[in-house]
Amino acid sequence: MDENKEQLLRLLGSYSRLEILTILLKYQEQDLTLYKITKYSKLSKDIIRRNIMNLVEAGLVNVRHYGAIRIFSLNKNNAVVNEFVEFLKKAKLV
């Protein structure tokens, strides 16, 4: 299996990372900080911090910096993200 595909499957094989992606989609009209993602997901801040950076490094999530504040959003230019969004919509999970 291609190394990139294997890494992507590992990323998407985590409940925490899938939950983060779902929250970013569901509340995409808001500026989502770690605090807000924690509030909406019920995951711990440490789990979110660890997993969201993996998603950023993989290109699935964008991050904007405003001083010490980081705002996270889905990377809608990523084909995997677009397929994930379509899957969630078809499954009526968002």
C-alpha atoms as a PDB file:
ATOM      1  CA  MET A   1       0.000   0.000   0.000  1.00  0.00           C
ATOM      2  CA  ASP A   2       1.214   3.506  -0.791  1.00  0.00           C
ATOM      3  CA  GLU A   3       2.781   5.154   2.286  1.00  0.00           C
ATOM      4  CA  ASN A   4       0.576   8.273   1.953  1.00  0.00           C
ATOM      5  CA  LYS A   5      -2.591   6.172   1.771  1.00  0.00           C
ATOM      6  CA  GLU A   6      -1.507   4.176   4.794  1.00  0.00           C
ATOM      7  CA  GLN A   7      -0.851   7.367   6.792  1.00  0.00           C
ATOM      8  CA  LEU A   8      -4.227   8.784   5.765  1.00  0.00           C
ATOM      9  CA  LEU A   9      -6.043   5.612   6.786  1.00  0.00           C
ATOM     10  CA  ARG A  10      -4.325   5.735  10.172  1.00  0.00           C
ATOM     11  CA  LEU A  11      -5.397   9.357  10.605  1.00  0.00           C
ATOM     12  CA  LEU A  12      -9.013   8.602   9.742  1.00  0.00           C
ATOM     13  CA  GLY A  13      -9.002   5.458  11.875  1.00  0.00           C
ATOM     14  CA  SER A  14      -9.199   7.475  15.086  1.00  0.00           C
ATOM     15  CA  TYR A  15     -12.529   8.303  16.725  1.00  0.00           C
ATOM     16  CA  SER A  16     -11.044  11.518  18.145  1.00  0.00           C
ATOM     17  CA  ARG A  17      -9.822  12.769  14.770  1.00  0.00           C
ATOM     18  CA  LEU A  18     -13.109  11.877  13.072  1.00  0.00           C
ATOM     19  CA  GLU A  19     -14.964  13.716  15.834  1.00  0.00           C
ATOM     20  CA  ILE A  20     -12.773  16.793  15.352  1.00  0.00           C
ATOM     21  CA  LEU A  21     -13.397  16.769  11.587  1.00  0.00           C
ATOM     22  CA  THR A  22     -17.140  16.417  12.193  1.00  0.00           C
ATOM     23  CA  ILE A  23     -17.160  19.351  14.635  1.00  0.00           C
ATOM     24  CA  LEU A  24     -15.214  21.500  12.170  1.00  0.00           C
ATOM     25  CA  LEU A  25     -17.840  20.733   9.526  1.00  0.00           C
ATOM     26  CA  LYS A  26     -20.863  21.132  11.764  1.00  0.00           C
ATOM     27  CA  TYR A  27     -19.743  24.515  13.133  1.00  0.00           C
ATOM     28  CA  GLN A  28     -17.871  25.750  10.069  1.00  0.00           C
ATOM     29  CA  GLU A  29     -19.550  29.179  10.188  1.00  0.00           C
ATOM     30  CA  GLN A  30     -17.796  29.877  13.514  1.00  0.00           C
ATOM     31  CA  ASP A  31     -14.163  30.627  14.289  1.00  0.00           C
ATOM     32  CA  LEU A  32     -13.220  27.420  16.087  1.00  0.00           C
ATOM     33  CA  THR A  33     -10.491  27.546  18.705  1.00  0.00           C
ATOM     34  CA  LEU A  34      -9.301  24.595  20.795  1.00  0.00           C
ATOM     35  CA  TYR A  35     -11.666  25.775  23.536  1.00  0.00           C
ATOM     36  CA  LYS A  36     -14.724  25.744  21.249  1.00  0.00           C
ATOM     37  CA  ILE A  37     -13.847  22.376  19.736  1.00  0.00           C
ATOM     38  CA  THR A  38     -13.508  20.995  23.278  1.00  0.00           C
ATOM     39  CA  LYS A  39     -16.873  22.469  24.219  1.00  0.00           C
ATOM     40  CA  TYR A  40     -18.690  21.008  21.213  1.00  0.00           C
ATOM     41  CA  SER A  41     -16.996  17.604  21.166  1.00  0.00           C
ATOM     42  CA  LYS A  42     -16.696  16.699  24.845  1.00  0.00           C
ATOM     43  CA  LEU A  43     -13.158  15.455  24.124  1.00  0.00           C
ATOM     44  CA  SER A  44     -10.397  16.646  26.430  1.00  0.00           C
ATOM     45  CA  LYS A  45      -8.293  19.623  25.422  1.00  0.00           C
ATOM     46  CA  ASP A  46      -5.133  17.479  25.445  1.00  0.00           C
ATOM     47  CA  ILE A  47      -6.655  14.902  23.091  1.00  0.00           C
ATOM     48  CA  ILE A  48      -7.828  17.631  20.730  1.00  0.00           C
ATOM     49  CA  ARG A  49      -4.488  19.448  20.814  1.00  0.00           C
ATOM     50  CA  ARG A  50      -2.571  16.244  20.014  1.00  0.00           C
ATOM     51  CA  ASN A  51      -4.905  15.067  17.253  1.00  0.00           C
ATOM     52  CA  ILE A  52      -5.686  18.346  15.529  1.00  0.00           C
ATOM     53  CA  MET A  53      -2.025  18.995  14.826  1.00  0.00           C
ATOM     54  CA  ASN A  54      -1.856  15.609  13.051  1.00  0.00           C
ATOM     55  CA  LEU A  55      -4.793  16.725  10.907  1.00  0.00           C
ATOM     56  CA  VAL A  56      -3.081  20.050  10.149  1.00  0.00           C
ATOM     57  CA  GLU A  57       0.163  18.283   9.174  1.00  0.00           C
ATOM     58  CA  ALA A  58      -1.806  15.972   6.854  1.00  0.00           C
ATOM     59  CA  GLY A  59      -3.411  18.961   5.126  1.00  0.00           C
ATOM     60  CA  LEU A  60      -6.958  18.095   6.211  1.00  0.00           C
ATOM     61  CA  VAL A  61      -7.310  21.074   8.546  1.00  0.00           C
ATOM     62  CA  ASN A  62      -6.198  24.699   8.149  1.00  0.00           C
ATOM     63  CA  VAL A  63      -4.966  26.835  11.027  1.00  0.00           C
ATOM     64  CA  ARG A  64      -4.823  30.637  11.215  1.00  0.00           C
ATOM     65  CA  HIS A  65      -2.810  32.367  13.925  1.00  0.00           C
ATOM     66  CA  TYR A  66      -3.882  35.562  15.663  1.00  0.00           C
ATOM     67  CA  GLY A  67      -1.178  36.053  18.261  1.00  0.00           C
ATOM     68  CA  ALA A  68      -1.569  33.180  20.715  1.00  0.00           C
ATOM     69  CA  ILE A  69      -5.019  32.280  19.354  1.00  0.00           C
ATOM     70  CA  ARG A  70      -5.331  29.579  16.699  1.00  0.00           C
ATOM     71  CA  ILE A  71      -8.460  29.236  14.561  1.00  0.00           C
ATOM     72  CA  PHE A  72      -9.078  25.860  12.908  1.00  0.00           C
ATOM     73  CA  SER A  73     -11.152  25.029   9.834  1.00  0.00           C
ATOM     74  CA  LEU A  74     -11.547  22.225   7.306  1.00  0.00           C
ATOM     75  CA  ASN A  75      -9.300  22.414   4.252  1.00  0.00           C
ATOM     76  CA  LYS A  76     -11.972  22.421   1.569  1.00  0.00           C
ATOM     77  CA  ASN A  77      -9.288  22.259  -1.134  1.00  0.00           C
ATOM     78  CA  ASN A  78      -8.437  18.718  -0.008  1.00  0.00           C
ATOM     79  CA  ALA A  79     -10.175  15.902  -1.925  1.00  0.00           C
ATOM     80  CA  VAL A  80     -10.279  13.622   1.131  1.00  0.00           C
ATOM     81  CA  VAL A  81     -12.022  16.332   3.160  1.00  0.00           C
ATOM     82  CA  ASN A  82     -14.580  16.848   0.400  1.00  0.00           C
ATOM     83  CA  GLU A  83     -15.311  13.102   0.244  1.00  0.00           C
ATOM     84  CA  PHE A  84     -15.629  12.991   4.047  1.00  0.00           C
ATOM     85  CA  VAL A  85     -18.074  15.915   3.975  1.00  0.00           C
ATOM     86  CA  GLU A  86     -20.177  14.190   1.296  1.00  0.00           C
ATOM     87  CA  PHE A  87     -20.182  10.956   3.303  1.00  0.00           C
ATOM     88  CA  LEU A  88     -21.385  12.740   6.458  1.00  0.00           C
ATOM     89  CA  LYS A  89     -24.113  14.529   4.524  1.00  0.00           C
ATOM     90  CA  LYS A  90     -25.327  11.339   2.816  1.00  0.00           C
ATOM     91  CA  ALA A  91     -25.344   9.525   6.166  1.00  0.00           C
ATOM     92  CA  LYS A  92     -27.217  12.522   7.656  1.00  0.00           C
ATOM     93  CA  LEU A  93     -24.671  12.819  10.443  1.00  0.00           C
ATOM     94  CA  VAL A  94     -24.452  16.607  10.097  1.00  0.00           C
END
